[in-house]
């Protein structure tokens, strides 16, 4: 279909792409184009991973999001941030030396993100790789139920070593600034605003 015919179709059906979705499509297209045009004999520039900035009542936390190694999980998280989903939510679980967990709209560990377009809870498939380990404190990963493919919107940040979670829970980022703030968080503390930065 030519561009001339596509425009009336979009106008008549009033189907428009929302800005966060369009941004994800553009980044995915750029990554695909980069793979297709990669010259393995020369250095090329790659798109840098974006960062999540958490403003909490205890201070600010910055985490690199591993869009290059966990693209589906990172994109889900970025989409939720851009929707303002996490703004105002509280951390509901604190396990000393283990994790601080948040992102539950119900605040009790049972909630998920209900997609307004489908009316159903969005769940993403488990995305793991041996390259992404929990390591020491500061790993950003998706929480889930016993079903490996049940992650939705809840996430945790490790407070200490958690190698036993490797390959079972999707690590998709790491705290790069504000680990001292992470270690001060407790159940009931809140995320006043979460944003994405380049």
N, C-alpha and C. Protein backbone atom coordinates (compact mmCIF):
# COMPACT_ATOMS: atom_id res chain seq x y z
N UNK A 1 0.86 -1.17 0.00
CA UNK A 1 0.00 0.00 0.00
C UNK A 1 0.90 1.23 0.00
N UNK A 2 0.63 2.16 -0.87
CA UNK A 2 1.48 3.35 -0.93
C UNK A 2 1.12 4.30 0.21
N UNK A 3 2.03 5.25 0.47
CA UNK A 3 1.79 6.22 1.53
C UNK A 3 0.54 7.05 1.28
N UNK A 4 0.24 7.31 0.00
CA UNK A 4 -0.94 8.11 -0.35
C UNK A 4 -2.20 7.41 0.10
N UNK A 5 -2.24 6.08 -0.06
CA UNK A 5 -3.43 5.32 0.35
C UNK A 5 -3.46 5.07 1.84
N UNK A 6 -2.30 5.03 2.50
CA UNK A 6 -2.24 4.73 3.93
C UNK A 6 -2.82 5.87 4.76
N UNK A 7 -2.58 7.11 4.38
CA UNK A 7 -3.05 8.26 5.15
C UNK A 7 -4.56 8.29 5.29
N UNK A 8 -5.35 8.17 4.21
CA UNK A 8 -6.80 8.15 4.40
C UNK A 8 -7.26 7.00 5.28
N UNK A 9 -6.59 5.84 5.18
CA UNK A 9 -6.96 4.71 6.04
C UNK A 9 -6.80 5.07 7.50
N UNK A 10 -5.68 5.71 7.86
CA UNK A 10 -5.45 6.10 9.24
C UNK A 10 -6.45 7.14 9.70
N UNK A 11 -6.78 8.08 8.82
CA UNK A 11 -7.73 9.13 9.19
C UNK A 11 -9.12 8.55 9.36
N UNK A 12 -9.53 7.68 8.43
CA UNK A 12 -10.88 7.11 8.49
C UNK A 12 -11.06 6.21 9.71
N UNK A 13 -10.04 5.41 10.03
CA UNK A 13 -10.18 4.47 11.14
C UNK A 13 -9.77 5.08 12.47
N UNK A 14 -9.14 6.25 12.44
CA UNK A 14 -8.69 6.94 13.64
C UNK A 14 -7.77 6.05 14.48
N UNK A 15 -6.94 5.27 13.83
CA UNK A 15 -5.97 4.43 14.53
C UNK A 15 -4.64 5.15 14.52
N UNK A 16 -4.23 5.57 15.68
CA UNK A 16 -2.97 6.28 15.81
C UNK A 16 -2.06 5.51 16.77
N UNK A 17 -0.79 5.64 16.56
CA UNK A 17 0.17 4.98 17.43
C UNK A 17 0.52 5.93 18.57
N UNK A 18 0.39 5.47 19.82
CA UNK A 18 0.73 6.29 20.97
C UNK A 18 2.23 6.52 21.01
N UNK A 19 2.65 7.67 21.52
CA UNK A 19 4.05 8.07 21.52
C UNK A 19 4.98 7.04 22.15
N UNK A 20 4.68 6.47 23.35
CA UNK A 20 5.60 5.48 23.92
C UNK A 20 5.78 4.26 23.01
N UNK A 21 4.70 3.84 22.35
CA UNK A 21 4.77 2.69 21.45
C UNK A 21 5.62 3.05 20.24
N UNK A 22 5.42 4.25 19.71
CA UNK A 22 6.19 4.71 18.57
C UNK A 22 7.68 4.77 18.90
N UNK A 23 8.01 5.27 20.10
CA UNK A 23 9.42 5.33 20.51
C UNK A 23 10.02 3.94 20.59
N UNK A 24 9.26 2.97 21.09
CA UNK A 24 9.76 1.59 21.17
C UNK A 24 9.98 1.03 19.78
N UNK A 25 9.05 1.31 18.86
CA UNK A 25 9.19 0.82 17.49
C UNK A 25 10.42 1.41 16.81
N UNK A 26 10.66 2.69 17.02
CA UNK A 26 11.81 3.35 16.41
C UNK A 26 13.11 2.74 16.95
N UNK A 27 13.19 2.54 18.29
CA UNK A 27 14.41 1.94 18.87
C UNK A 27 14.59 0.51 18.35
N UNK A 28 13.52 -0.26 18.26
CA UNK A 28 13.62 -1.63 17.77
C UNK A 28 14.07 -1.64 16.30
N UNK A 29 13.52 -0.73 15.51
CA UNK A 29 13.92 -0.63 14.11
C UNK A 29 15.39 -0.26 13.99
N UNK A 30 15.84 0.68 14.82
CA UNK A 30 17.25 1.08 14.78
C UNK A 30 18.16 -0.08 15.14
N UNK A 31 17.77 -0.85 16.17
CA UNK A 31 18.58 -2.00 16.57
C UNK A 31 18.61 -3.05 15.44
N UNK A 32 17.46 -3.28 14.81
CA UNK A 32 17.39 -4.25 13.72
C UNK A 32 18.26 -3.77 12.55
N UNK A 33 18.16 -2.51 12.21
CA UNK A 33 18.96 -1.94 11.14
C UNK A 33 20.45 -2.04 11.45
N UNK A 34 20.78 -1.80 12.70
CA UNK A 34 22.18 -1.91 13.13
C UNK A 34 22.69 -3.34 12.94
N UNK A 35 21.87 -4.32 13.27
CA UNK A 35 22.28 -5.72 13.10
C UNK A 35 22.44 -6.07 11.62
N UNK A 36 21.52 -5.57 10.80
CA UNK A 36 21.57 -5.88 9.37
C UNK A 36 22.74 -5.22 8.67
N UNK A 37 23.15 -4.06 9.13
CA UNK A 37 24.20 -3.31 8.45
C UNK A 37 25.54 -3.40 9.16
N UNK A 38 25.62 -4.26 10.16
CA UNK A 38 26.85 -4.37 10.95
C UNK A 38 28.02 -4.84 10.08
N UNK A 39 29.10 -4.10 10.13
CA UNK A 39 30.33 -4.47 9.43
C UNK A 39 31.24 -5.09 10.48
N UNK A 40 31.38 -6.40 10.44
CA UNK A 40 32.12 -7.10 11.48
C UNK A 40 33.61 -6.84 11.45
N UNK A 41 34.10 -6.13 10.43
CA UNK A 41 35.51 -5.79 10.36
C UNK A 41 35.82 -4.44 10.96
N UNK A 42 34.79 -3.64 11.27
CA UNK A 42 34.99 -2.29 11.79
C UNK A 42 34.20 -2.08 13.06
N UNK A 43 34.68 -1.12 13.85
CA UNK A 43 33.92 -0.74 15.04
C UNK A 43 32.69 0.05 14.62
N UNK A 44 31.57 -0.20 15.27
CA UNK A 44 30.37 0.57 14.99
C UNK A 44 29.83 1.11 16.30
N UNK A 45 29.06 2.17 16.20
CA UNK A 45 28.45 2.70 17.39
C UNK A 45 27.14 1.97 17.64
N UNK A 46 26.88 1.65 18.89
CA UNK A 46 25.63 0.98 19.25
C UNK A 46 24.81 1.94 20.10
N UNK A 47 23.52 1.69 20.12
CA UNK A 47 22.65 2.51 20.95
C UNK A 47 22.93 2.20 22.41
N UNK A 48 23.14 3.23 23.17
CA UNK A 48 23.40 3.05 24.60
C UNK A 48 22.11 2.63 25.30
N UNK A 49 22.25 1.80 26.31
CA UNK A 49 21.10 1.43 27.12
C UNK A 49 20.60 2.67 27.85
N UNK A 50 19.28 2.76 27.98
CA UNK A 50 18.70 3.86 28.74
C UNK A 50 18.74 3.56 30.23
N UNK A 51 18.40 4.55 31.01
CA UNK A 51 18.42 4.42 32.47
C UNK A 51 17.03 4.72 33.03
N UNK A 52 16.74 4.08 34.15
CA UNK A 52 15.53 4.40 34.92
C UNK A 52 15.98 5.23 36.11
N UNK A 53 15.27 6.31 36.36
CA UNK A 53 15.56 7.17 37.51
C UNK A 53 14.36 7.10 38.45
N UNK A 54 14.60 6.58 39.65
CA UNK A 54 13.57 6.43 40.67
C UNK A 54 13.73 7.56 41.68
N UNK A 55 12.73 8.41 41.78
CA UNK A 55 12.71 9.42 42.85
C UNK A 55 11.88 8.81 43.97
N UNK A 56 12.49 8.60 45.12
CA UNK A 56 11.78 7.99 46.25
C UNK A 56 11.77 8.96 47.42
N UNK A 57 11.00 8.63 48.45
CA UNK A 57 10.97 9.48 49.64
C UNK A 57 12.29 9.41 50.42
N UNK A 58 13.19 8.49 50.04
CA UNK A 58 14.50 8.37 50.70
C UNK A 58 15.63 8.96 49.85
N UNK A 59 15.33 9.30 48.58
CA UNK A 59 16.36 9.84 47.69
C UNK A 59 16.22 9.27 46.29
N UNK A 60 17.22 9.54 45.47
CA UNK A 60 17.19 9.17 44.06
C UNK A 60 18.05 7.94 43.77
N UNK A 61 17.55 7.10 42.85
CA UNK A 61 18.24 5.88 42.42
C UNK A 61 18.27 5.88 40.90
N UNK A 62 19.42 5.55 40.32
CA UNK A 62 19.52 5.41 38.87
C UNK A 62 19.96 3.99 38.56
N UNK A 63 19.31 3.38 37.57
CA UNK A 63 19.66 2.02 37.16
C UNK A 63 19.77 1.95 35.65
N UNK A 64 20.83 1.32 35.16
CA UNK A 64 20.94 1.06 33.73
C UNK A 64 19.97 -0.06 33.38
N UNK A 65 19.24 0.09 32.27
CA UNK A 65 18.32 -0.93 31.80
C UNK A 65 18.98 -1.68 30.65
N UNK A 66 19.08 -2.99 30.76
CA UNK A 66 19.81 -3.80 29.78
C UNK A 66 18.94 -4.11 28.56
N UNK A 67 18.67 -3.07 27.78
CA UNK A 67 17.88 -3.24 26.56
C UNK A 67 18.59 -4.12 25.55
N UNK A 68 19.92 -4.17 25.62
CA UNK A 68 20.69 -4.97 24.68
C UNK A 68 20.64 -6.46 25.00
N UNK A 69 20.51 -6.83 26.27
CA UNK A 69 20.56 -8.24 26.65
C UNK A 69 19.22 -8.79 27.15
N UNK A 70 18.31 -7.92 27.55
CA UNK A 70 16.97 -8.34 28.00
C UNK A 70 15.95 -7.38 27.40
N UNK A 71 15.84 -7.35 26.06
CA UNK A 71 15.03 -6.33 25.40
C UNK A 71 13.53 -6.37 25.73
N UNK A 72 12.95 -7.55 25.80
CA UNK A 72 11.50 -7.63 26.08
C UNK A 72 11.19 -7.15 27.49
N UNK A 73 12.01 -7.58 28.43
CA UNK A 73 11.78 -7.21 29.83
C UNK A 73 12.03 -5.72 30.04
N UNK A 74 13.13 -5.21 29.48
CA UNK A 74 13.44 -3.79 29.61
C UNK A 74 12.38 -2.93 28.93
N UNK A 75 11.92 -3.36 27.75
CA UNK A 75 10.89 -2.59 27.04
C UNK A 75 9.57 -2.56 27.81
N UNK A 76 9.22 -3.68 28.44
CA UNK A 76 8.01 -3.70 29.27
C UNK A 76 8.12 -2.69 30.40
N UNK A 77 9.27 -2.68 31.06
CA UNK A 77 9.50 -1.76 32.18
C UNK A 77 9.46 -0.30 31.71
N UNK A 78 10.11 -0.02 30.59
CA UNK A 78 10.13 1.34 30.03
C UNK A 78 8.72 1.78 29.67
N UNK A 79 7.93 0.89 29.07
CA UNK A 79 6.55 1.22 28.72
C UNK A 79 5.76 1.60 29.97
N UNK A 80 5.92 0.83 31.04
CA UNK A 80 5.19 1.13 32.27
C UNK A 80 5.64 2.47 32.87
N UNK A 81 6.94 2.73 32.80
CA UNK A 81 7.44 4.02 33.30
C UNK A 81 6.82 5.15 32.50
N UNK A 82 6.83 5.03 31.17
CA UNK A 82 6.31 6.10 30.32
C UNK A 82 4.81 6.31 30.48
N UNK A 83 4.11 5.31 30.94
CA UNK A 83 2.68 5.44 31.24
C UNK A 83 2.44 6.12 32.60
N UNK A 84 3.52 6.29 33.38
CA UNK A 84 3.37 6.85 34.73
C UNK A 84 2.88 5.83 35.73
N UNK A 85 2.96 4.56 35.37
CA UNK A 85 2.41 3.49 36.19
C UNK A 85 3.02 3.44 37.58
N UNK A 86 4.32 3.62 37.69
CA UNK A 86 5.01 3.47 38.97
C UNK A 86 4.93 4.71 39.87
N UNK A 87 4.55 5.84 39.30
CA UNK A 87 4.51 7.08 40.08
C UNK A 87 3.51 6.96 41.23
N UNK A 88 4.02 7.13 42.45
CA UNK A 88 3.16 7.08 43.63
C UNK A 88 3.01 5.70 44.26
N UNK A 89 3.52 4.67 43.60
CA UNK A 89 3.41 3.32 44.19
C UNK A 89 4.42 3.15 45.32
N UNK A 90 4.11 2.22 46.20
CA UNK A 90 4.97 1.96 47.36
C UNK A 90 5.74 0.65 47.19
N UNK A 91 6.85 0.56 47.89
CA UNK A 91 7.56 -0.71 48.02
C UNK A 91 6.78 -1.49 49.07
N UNK A 92 6.43 -2.73 48.75
CA UNK A 92 5.57 -3.51 49.66
C UNK A 92 6.31 -4.64 50.36
N UNK A 93 7.53 -4.93 49.93
CA UNK A 93 8.25 -6.06 50.54
C UNK A 93 9.70 -5.68 50.81
N UNK A 94 10.13 -5.94 52.01
CA UNK A 94 11.53 -5.72 52.39
C UNK A 94 12.02 -6.96 53.10
N UNK A 95 13.08 -7.55 52.55
CA UNK A 95 13.71 -8.72 53.17
C UNK A 95 15.16 -8.32 53.43
N UNK A 96 15.54 -8.11 54.69
CA UNK A 96 16.90 -7.63 55.01
C UNK A 96 18.00 -8.47 54.36
N UNK A 97 18.94 -7.81 53.70
CA UNK A 97 20.05 -8.48 53.05
C UNK A 97 19.69 -9.23 51.78
N UNK A 98 18.40 -9.16 51.38
CA UNK A 98 17.95 -9.92 50.21
C UNK A 98 17.38 -8.98 49.14
N UNK A 99 16.14 -8.46 49.34
CA UNK A 99 15.53 -7.60 48.31
C UNK A 99 14.63 -6.53 48.92
N UNK A 100 14.41 -5.49 48.12
CA UNK A 100 13.31 -4.53 48.32
C UNK A 100 12.46 -4.67 47.06
N UNK A 101 11.16 -4.84 47.22
CA UNK A 101 10.28 -5.12 46.08
C UNK A 101 9.16 -4.10 46.00
N UNK A 102 8.83 -3.70 44.77
CA UNK A 102 7.76 -2.73 44.55
C UNK A 102 7.11 -2.94 43.20
N UNK A 103 6.27 -1.97 42.82
CA UNK A 103 5.62 -2.02 41.51
C UNK A 103 4.26 -2.69 41.51
N UNK A 104 3.71 -2.99 42.68
CA UNK A 104 2.39 -3.63 42.76
C UNK A 104 1.33 -2.55 42.98
N UNK A 105 0.38 -2.40 42.04
CA UNK A 105 -0.65 -1.38 42.21
C UNK A 105 -1.57 -1.65 43.40
N UNK A 106 -1.65 -2.91 43.85
CA UNK A 106 -2.49 -3.24 45.01
C UNK A 106 -1.71 -3.10 46.32
N UNK A 107 -0.39 -3.10 46.22
CA UNK A 107 0.44 -2.90 47.40
C UNK A 107 0.59 -4.10 48.31
N UNK A 108 0.17 -5.28 47.85
CA UNK A 108 0.26 -6.46 48.72
C UNK A 108 0.98 -7.65 48.08
N UNK A 109 1.56 -7.44 46.90
CA UNK A 109 2.29 -8.51 46.23
C UNK A 109 1.47 -9.36 45.29
N UNK A 110 0.19 -9.04 45.10
CA UNK A 110 -0.66 -9.85 44.23
C UNK A 110 -1.10 -9.12 42.96
N UNK A 111 -0.79 -7.85 42.83
CA UNK A 111 -1.29 -7.07 41.70
C UNK A 111 -0.43 -7.12 40.46
N UNK A 112 -1.04 -6.81 39.33
CA UNK A 112 -0.35 -6.75 38.05
C UNK A 112 -0.83 -5.56 37.25
N UNK A 113 -0.21 -5.33 36.11
CA UNK A 113 -0.61 -4.23 35.23
C UNK A 113 -1.74 -4.71 34.33
N UNK A 114 -2.88 -4.05 34.42
CA UNK A 114 -4.02 -4.36 33.56
C UNK A 114 -3.91 -3.46 32.33
N UNK A 115 -3.70 -4.07 31.18
CA UNK A 115 -3.56 -3.32 29.93
C UNK A 115 -4.91 -2.71 29.57
N UNK A 116 -4.98 -1.37 29.45
CA UNK A 116 -6.27 -0.74 29.16
C UNK A 116 -6.84 -1.12 27.79
N UNK A 117 -5.99 -1.54 26.87
CA UNK A 117 -6.48 -1.91 25.54
C UNK A 117 -7.12 -3.29 25.52
N UNK A 118 -6.64 -4.20 26.37
CA UNK A 118 -7.19 -5.56 26.36
C UNK A 118 -8.06 -5.85 27.58
N UNK A 119 -7.88 -5.07 28.66
CA UNK A 119 -8.61 -5.33 29.89
C UNK A 119 -8.06 -6.50 30.67
N UNK A 120 -6.92 -7.04 30.21
CA UNK A 120 -6.32 -8.21 30.87
C UNK A 120 -4.96 -7.84 31.44
N UNK A 121 -4.51 -8.66 32.39
CA UNK A 121 -3.19 -8.43 32.97
C UNK A 121 -2.12 -8.76 31.93
N UNK A 122 -1.19 -7.84 31.78
CA UNK A 122 -0.06 -8.08 30.88
C UNK A 122 0.96 -8.95 31.60
N UNK A 123 1.35 -10.02 30.95
CA UNK A 123 2.40 -10.89 31.48
C UNK A 123 3.45 -11.08 30.40
N UNK A 124 4.70 -11.13 30.82
CA UNK A 124 5.77 -11.31 29.85
C UNK A 124 6.50 -12.62 30.10
N UNK A 125 7.07 -13.17 29.04
CA UNK A 125 7.79 -14.43 29.16
C UNK A 125 9.12 -14.21 29.88
N UNK A 126 9.53 -15.23 30.60
CA UNK A 126 10.81 -15.18 31.30
C UNK A 126 11.93 -15.01 30.28
N UNK A 127 12.76 -13.99 30.51
CA UNK A 127 13.87 -13.69 29.61
C UNK A 127 15.15 -13.72 30.43
N UNK A 128 15.90 -14.80 30.32
CA UNK A 128 17.14 -14.95 31.09
C UNK A 128 18.29 -15.27 30.15
N UNK A 129 19.48 -14.94 30.60
CA UNK A 129 20.70 -15.25 29.88
C UNK A 129 21.81 -15.42 30.90
N UNK A 130 22.77 -16.32 30.64
CA UNK A 130 23.88 -16.50 31.58
C UNK A 130 24.70 -15.22 31.76
N UNK A 131 24.59 -14.29 30.81
CA UNK A 131 25.33 -13.03 30.92
C UNK A 131 24.79 -12.12 32.02
N UNK A 132 23.52 -12.28 32.36
CA UNK A 132 22.89 -11.40 33.35
C UNK A 132 22.66 -12.16 34.65
N UNK A 133 23.54 -11.89 35.60
CA UNK A 133 23.46 -12.55 36.90
C UNK A 133 23.06 -11.53 37.97
N UNK A 134 22.53 -12.03 39.06
CA UNK A 134 22.15 -11.15 40.16
C UNK A 134 23.38 -10.53 40.83
N UNK A 135 24.45 -11.31 40.94
CA UNK A 135 25.68 -10.77 41.51
C UNK A 135 25.46 -10.22 42.91
N UNK A 136 26.10 -9.10 43.20
CA UNK A 136 25.97 -8.46 44.51
C UNK A 136 24.75 -7.54 44.53
N UNK A 137 24.64 -6.74 45.55
CA UNK A 137 23.51 -5.82 45.69
C UNK A 137 23.40 -4.91 44.47
N UNK A 138 22.15 -4.59 44.11
CA UNK A 138 21.92 -3.64 43.03
C UNK A 138 21.35 -4.21 41.75
N UNK A 139 21.11 -5.52 41.69
CA UNK A 139 20.50 -6.10 40.49
C UNK A 139 19.02 -5.70 40.47
N UNK A 140 18.54 -5.30 39.29
CA UNK A 140 17.13 -4.94 39.08
C UNK A 140 16.51 -6.08 38.29
N UNK A 141 15.47 -6.70 38.83
CA UNK A 141 14.89 -7.88 38.20
C UNK A 141 13.37 -7.89 38.39
N UNK A 142 12.70 -8.71 37.56
CA UNK A 142 11.25 -8.82 37.63
C UNK A 142 10.84 -9.88 38.65
N UNK A 143 9.87 -9.52 39.47
CA UNK A 143 9.26 -10.47 40.40
C UNK A 143 8.18 -11.23 39.63
N UNK A 144 7.86 -12.40 40.11
CA UNK A 144 6.83 -13.22 39.45
C UNK A 144 6.28 -14.23 40.44
N UNK A 145 5.25 -14.95 40.02
CA UNK A 145 4.72 -16.03 40.83
C UNK A 145 5.50 -17.31 40.49
N UNK A 146 4.98 -18.47 40.84
CA UNK A 146 5.67 -19.72 40.54
C UNK A 146 5.74 -20.00 39.04
N UNK A 147 4.81 -19.42 38.29
CA UNK A 147 4.83 -19.56 36.83
C UNK A 147 5.95 -18.69 36.28
N UNK A 148 6.93 -19.28 35.60
CA UNK A 148 8.06 -18.49 35.09
C UNK A 148 7.65 -17.36 34.15
N UNK A 149 6.50 -17.49 33.49
CA UNK A 149 6.04 -16.49 32.53
C UNK A 149 4.94 -15.60 33.10
N UNK A 150 5.04 -15.27 34.38
CA UNK A 150 3.97 -14.49 35.03
C UNK A 150 4.40 -13.08 35.43
N UNK A 151 5.62 -12.66 35.08
CA UNK A 151 6.04 -11.31 35.43
C UNK A 151 5.15 -10.29 34.73
N UNK A 152 4.81 -9.23 35.44
CA UNK A 152 3.93 -8.21 34.90
C UNK A 152 4.54 -6.82 35.13
N UNK A 153 4.50 -6.36 36.38
CA UNK A 153 4.97 -5.01 36.69
C UNK A 153 5.79 -4.95 37.96
N UNK A 154 5.71 -5.97 38.80
CA UNK A 154 6.46 -5.95 40.05
C UNK A 154 7.94 -6.24 39.79
N UNK A 155 8.78 -5.53 40.50
CA UNK A 155 10.22 -5.69 40.35
C UNK A 155 10.88 -5.69 41.71
N UNK A 156 12.12 -6.11 41.75
CA UNK A 156 12.89 -6.05 43.00
C UNK A 156 14.30 -5.59 42.70
N UNK A 157 14.93 -5.07 43.72
CA UNK A 157 16.35 -4.70 43.67
C UNK A 157 17.02 -5.49 44.78
N UNK A 158 18.10 -6.19 44.44
CA UNK A 158 18.77 -7.01 45.44
C UNK A 158 19.54 -6.14 46.43
N UNK A 159 19.60 -6.62 47.66
CA UNK A 159 20.32 -5.94 48.74
C UNK A 159 21.59 -6.70 49.12
N UNK A 160 21.83 -7.79 48.45
CA UNK A 160 23.01 -8.61 48.71
C UNK A 160 23.12 -9.68 47.65
N UNK A 161 24.09 -10.58 47.76
CA UNK A 161 24.25 -11.65 46.77
C UNK A 161 22.99 -12.50 46.68
N UNK A 162 22.62 -12.89 45.46
CA UNK A 162 21.42 -13.72 45.27
C UNK A 162 21.61 -14.64 44.06
N UNK A 163 22.75 -15.30 43.99
CA UNK A 163 23.07 -16.17 42.85
C UNK A 163 22.06 -17.29 42.65
N UNK A 164 21.39 -17.71 43.71
CA UNK A 164 20.42 -18.80 43.60
C UNK A 164 19.21 -18.41 42.74
N UNK A 165 19.05 -17.11 42.45
CA UNK A 165 17.95 -16.65 41.60
C UNK A 165 18.33 -16.63 40.11
N UNK A 166 19.63 -16.74 39.82
CA UNK A 166 20.10 -16.67 38.43
C UNK A 166 19.40 -17.71 37.56
N UNK A 167 19.02 -17.29 36.35
CA UNK A 167 18.35 -18.11 35.33
C UNK A 167 16.93 -18.51 35.72
N UNK A 168 16.44 -18.00 36.85
CA UNK A 168 15.06 -18.26 37.26
C UNK A 168 14.22 -16.98 37.29
N UNK A 169 14.88 -15.85 37.44
CA UNK A 169 14.22 -14.55 37.46
C UNK A 169 14.97 -13.63 36.51
N UNK A 170 14.23 -12.80 35.78
CA UNK A 170 14.81 -11.96 34.72
C UNK A 170 15.49 -10.72 35.28
N UNK A 171 16.82 -10.72 35.25
CA UNK A 171 17.60 -9.53 35.57
C UNK A 171 17.58 -8.66 34.32
N UNK A 172 17.19 -7.40 34.45
CA UNK A 172 17.13 -6.53 33.28
C UNK A 172 17.78 -5.17 33.54
N UNK A 173 18.46 -5.03 34.66
CA UNK A 173 19.13 -3.77 34.94
C UNK A 173 20.01 -3.86 36.17
N UNK A 174 20.74 -2.79 36.42
CA UNK A 174 21.61 -2.72 37.61
C UNK A 174 21.70 -1.29 38.07
N UNK A 175 21.64 -1.10 39.38
CA UNK A 175 21.76 0.22 39.98
C UNK A 175 23.16 0.76 39.71
N UNK A 176 23.23 1.96 39.16
CA UNK A 176 24.52 2.60 38.87
C UNK A 176 24.78 3.77 39.81
N UNK A 177 23.73 4.28 40.43
CA UNK A 177 23.88 5.39 41.37
C UNK A 177 22.74 5.32 42.40
N UNK A 178 23.07 5.52 43.66
CA UNK A 178 22.04 5.53 44.70
C UNK A 178 21.85 4.20 45.39
N UNK A 179 22.86 3.33 45.35
CA UNK A 179 22.73 2.04 46.06
C UNK A 179 22.56 2.27 47.56
N UNK A 180 23.15 3.34 48.08
CA UNK A 180 22.96 3.67 49.50
C UNK A 180 21.49 3.97 49.79
N UNK A 181 20.79 4.59 48.82
CA UNK A 181 19.36 4.87 48.98
C UNK A 181 18.58 3.57 48.95
N UNK A 182 18.93 2.68 48.02
CA UNK A 182 18.25 1.37 47.93
C UNK A 182 18.31 0.66 49.27
N UNK A 183 19.46 0.71 49.92
CA UNK A 183 19.64 -0.02 51.19
C UNK A 183 18.89 0.63 52.35
N UNK A 184 18.42 1.86 52.18
CA UNK A 184 17.62 2.53 53.21
C UNK A 184 16.12 2.27 53.05
N UNK A 185 15.70 1.79 51.87
CA UNK A 185 14.28 1.58 51.61
C UNK A 185 13.69 0.46 52.46
N UNK A 186 12.44 0.66 52.85
CA UNK A 186 11.70 -0.33 53.63
C UNK A 186 10.29 -0.44 53.07
N UNK A 187 9.57 -1.47 53.44
CA UNK A 187 8.17 -1.60 53.04
C UNK A 187 7.40 -0.37 53.49
N UNK A 188 6.62 0.20 52.59
CA UNK A 188 5.86 1.42 52.89
C UNK A 188 6.49 2.66 52.28
N UNK A 189 7.79 2.61 51.94
CA UNK A 189 8.42 3.76 51.26
C UNK A 189 7.85 3.84 49.84
N UNK A 190 7.90 5.06 49.29
CA UNK A 190 7.22 5.26 48.00
C UNK A 190 8.14 5.77 46.90
N UNK A 191 7.70 5.50 45.67
CA UNK A 191 8.32 6.05 44.47
C UNK A 191 7.48 7.26 44.09
N UNK A 192 8.01 8.45 44.28
CA UNK A 192 7.22 9.64 43.93
C UNK A 192 7.13 9.80 42.42
N UNK A 193 8.24 9.49 41.73
CA UNK A 193 8.26 9.59 40.27
C UNK A 193 9.35 8.67 39.74
N UNK A 194 9.04 8.00 38.63
CA UNK A 194 10.02 7.16 37.94
C UNK A 194 10.05 7.64 36.48
N UNK A 195 11.25 7.86 35.96
CA UNK A 195 11.39 8.36 34.60
C UNK A 195 12.49 7.61 33.85
N UNK A 196 12.52 7.79 32.54
CA UNK A 196 13.52 7.17 31.69
C UNK A 196 14.47 8.25 31.22
N UNK A 197 15.77 7.97 31.26
CA UNK A 197 16.78 8.92 30.80
C UNK A 197 17.72 8.22 29.84
N UNK A 198 18.28 8.97 28.89
CA UNK A 198 19.25 8.41 27.94
C UNK A 198 20.61 8.27 28.58
